[in-house]
Amino acid sequence: MKYTQLGRTGLQVSRIVLGTMNFGPQTDEAASHAIMDAALGAGINFFDTANAYGWAENKGRTEEIIGSWFAQGGDRRDKTVLATKMYANMGVDEPWPNHHKLSAVNIRRSVEASLKRLGTDYIDVYQFHHIDRLTPFARRSGRPSTS
């Protein structure tokens, strides 16, 4: 397997990424575990998922499947570079005005919920699944620190 540097993160990732979007809705847990075992065995160390994968009433199921795979041990978590994504509120109820999309509250809640479903204490790459034009990115004033 060929590996490459992931930006300036210091992470070495396989040039092939395992996408897990169908784990749960179309691929059952046992088959999903077999796919992840085969990928890791082939040297694929970069796995991509999202908090909403599993879809509809099963949102989060894909992360749960990955978490149960990590729980089997064998240094699975240590050997995997895990990327997950967030965007929409995961609840079924209409969120409060400040609990949506890329609000600070939703990001915090989404990270905590993903960590729990994944059964891990860290996520290697955390991404926004979509642009939220209502939530501006914070901008720093002044020059970046050189220290």
Protein backbone atom coordinates (compact mmCIF):
# COMPACT_ATOMS: atom_id res chain seq x y z
CA MET A 1 0.00 0.00 0.00
CA LYS A 2 1.22 3.49 -0.77
CA TYR A 3 0.85 6.18 1.90
CA THR A 4 0.90 9.94 1.77
CA GLN A 5 1.07 12.82 4.21
CA LEU A 6 -2.37 14.25 5.04
CA GLY A 7 -1.78 17.97 4.66
CA ARG A 8 0.15 19.36 7.61
CA THR A 9 -1.41 16.99 10.16
CA GLY A 10 1.56 14.67 10.51
CA LEU A 11 -0.71 11.74 9.65
CA GLN A 12 0.36 9.15 7.11
CA VAL A 13 -2.71 7.82 5.29
CA SER A 14 -3.23 5.18 2.66
CA ARG A 15 -3.91 6.54 -0.80
CA ILE A 16 -7.07 4.44 -0.80
CA VAL A 17 -9.78 5.47 1.67
CA LEU A 18 -12.47 3.10 2.93
CA GLY A 19 -15.85 4.80 2.70
CA THR A 20 -18.40 3.42 5.15
CA MET A 21 -21.60 5.18 4.07
CA ASN A 22 -23.49 1.93 3.43
CA PHE A 23 -22.50 0.19 6.67
CA GLY A 24 -25.80 -0.41 8.39
CA PRO A 25 -28.43 0.41 5.76
CA GLN A 26 -27.06 -1.91 3.04
CA THR A 27 -24.24 -3.84 4.70
CA ASP A 28 -24.91 -5.62 7.97
CA GLU A 29 -22.55 -5.44 10.94
CA ALA A 30 -20.79 -8.76 10.32
CA ALA A 31 -20.12 -7.95 6.66
CA SER A 32 -19.02 -4.42 7.60
CA HIS A 33 -16.54 -5.85 10.12
CA ALA A 34 -15.21 -8.26 7.47
CA ILE A 35 -14.75 -5.37 5.02
CA MET A 36 -12.85 -3.31 7.62
CA ASP A 37 -10.68 -6.31 8.54
CA ALA A 38 -9.85 -6.90 4.87
CA ALA A 39 -9.11 -3.21 4.29
CA LEU A 40 -6.80 -3.00 7.30
CA GLY A 41 -5.16 -6.27 6.25
CA ALA A 42 -4.48 -4.76 2.81
CA GLY A 43 -2.86 -1.73 4.44
CA ILE A 44 -5.79 0.69 4.08
CA ASN A 45 -5.63 2.75 7.25
CA PHE A 46 -7.87 5.71 6.33
CA PHE A 47 -11.59 5.19 7.08
CA ASP A 48 -14.25 7.81 6.31
CA THR A 49 -17.68 8.04 7.92
CA ALA A 50 -20.25 10.62 9.08
CA ASN A 51 -22.56 11.04 12.03
CA ALA A 52 -25.72 10.79 9.89
CA TYR A 53 -24.71 7.63 8.02
CA GLY A 54 -27.23 4.90 8.69
CA TRP A 55 -29.92 7.31 7.51
CA ALA A 56 -33.42 8.18 8.70
CA GLU A 57 -34.29 6.53 12.01
CA ASN A 58 -30.90 4.75 11.98
CA LYS A 59 -28.73 7.90 11.90
CA GLY A 60 -25.46 7.13 13.61
CA ARG A 61 -25.65 3.38 12.97
CA THR A 62 -22.54 3.40 10.78
CA GLU A 63 -20.45 4.98 13.54
CA GLU A 64 -21.82 2.37 15.98
CA ILE A 65 -20.70 -0.44 13.65
CA ILE A 66 -17.21 1.06 13.43
CA GLY A 67 -17.20 1.41 17.23
CA SER A 68 -18.10 -2.25 17.72
CA TRP A 69 -15.28 -3.16 15.31
CA PHE A 70 -12.79 -1.07 17.33
CA ALA A 71 -14.04 -2.78 20.50
CA GLN A 72 -12.81 -6.14 19.17
CA GLY A 73 -9.28 -5.00 19.98
CA GLY A 74 -6.21 -6.02 18.03
CA ASP A 75 -5.04 -2.38 17.93
CA ARG A 76 -7.74 -1.65 15.33
CA ARG A 77 -8.21 1.91 16.58
CA ASP A 78 -4.48 2.63 16.79
CA LYS A 79 -3.96 1.39 13.23
CA THR A 80 -6.84 3.43 11.79
CA VAL A 81 -6.91 7.08 10.77
CA LEU A 82 -10.55 7.94 11.38
CA ALA A 83 -12.35 10.74 9.58
CA THR A 84 -15.93 11.61 10.40
CA LYS A 85 -18.24 14.46 9.46
CA MET A 86 -21.14 16.42 10.92
CA TYR A 87 -23.70 18.93 9.78
CA ALA A 88 -27.38 18.66 10.54
CA ASN A 89 -28.90 18.19 13.97
CA MET A 90 -29.21 14.47 14.68
CA GLY A 91 -32.43 14.74 16.67
CA VAL A 92 -35.85 14.02 15.25
CA ASP A 93 -37.35 17.18 16.71
CA GLU A 94 -36.95 20.58 15.17
CA PRO A 95 -33.84 22.05 16.85
CA TRP A 96 -33.81 25.28 18.78
CA PRO A 97 -32.58 28.21 16.65
CA ASN A 98 -29.00 27.95 17.95
CA HIS A 99 -28.73 24.16 17.86
CA HIS A 100 -28.49 23.68 14.11
CA LYS A 101 -25.94 22.93 11.40
CA LEU A 102 -22.54 24.43 12.24
CA SER A 103 -23.47 26.27 15.41
CA ALA A 104 -20.98 25.89 18.26
CA VAL A 105 -23.58 23.97 20.28
CA ASN A 106 -24.29 21.51 17.47
CA ILE A 107 -20.58 20.96 16.75
CA ARG A 108 -19.87 20.23 20.43
CA ARG A 109 -22.85 17.88 20.75
CA SER A 110 -22.01 16.15 17.48
CA VAL A 111 -18.38 15.53 18.48
CA GLU A 112 -19.42 14.10 21.84
CA ALA A 113 -22.08 11.86 20.29
CA SER A 114 -19.72 10.61 17.56
CA LEU A 115 -17.02 9.77 20.12
CA LYS A 116 -19.58 7.76 22.10
CA ARG A 117 -20.92 5.88 19.05
CA LEU A 118 -17.38 5.21 17.79
CA GLY A 119 -16.24 4.01 21.21
CA THR A 120 -13.07 6.08 21.04
CA ASP A 121 -11.64 9.12 22.78
CA TYR A 122 -10.36 10.84 19.65
CA ILE A 123 -11.20 11.54 16.02
CA ASP A 124 -8.28 12.07 13.65
CA VAL A 125 -10.03 14.22 11.03
CA TYR A 126 -13.27 16.08 11.80
CA GLN A 127 -15.05 17.64 8.85
CA PHE A 128 -18.12 19.70 8.09
CA HIS A 129 -20.30 17.76 5.67
CA HIS A 130 -21.79 20.90 4.08
CA ILE A 131 -21.39 24.66 4.09
CA ASP A 132 -23.61 26.54 6.52
CA ARG A 133 -24.06 30.01 5.10
CA LEU A 134 -25.87 31.17 8.26
CA THR A 135 -22.91 30.49 10.56
CA PRO A 136 -19.85 32.59 9.72
CA PHE A 137 -16.36 31.30 10.38
CA ALA A 138 -14.62 33.16 13.18
CA ARG A 139 -11.81 35.34 11.98
CA ARG A 140 -8.75 36.16 14.03
CA SER A 141 -7.62 39.74 14.19
CA GLY A 142 -3.97 40.63 13.99
CA ARG A 143 -1.09 38.47 12.87
CA PRO A 144 -0.72 34.78 13.56
CA SER A 145 1.69 33.93 16.35
CA THR A 146 5.18 32.87 15.28
CA SER A 147 6.05 31.18 18.55
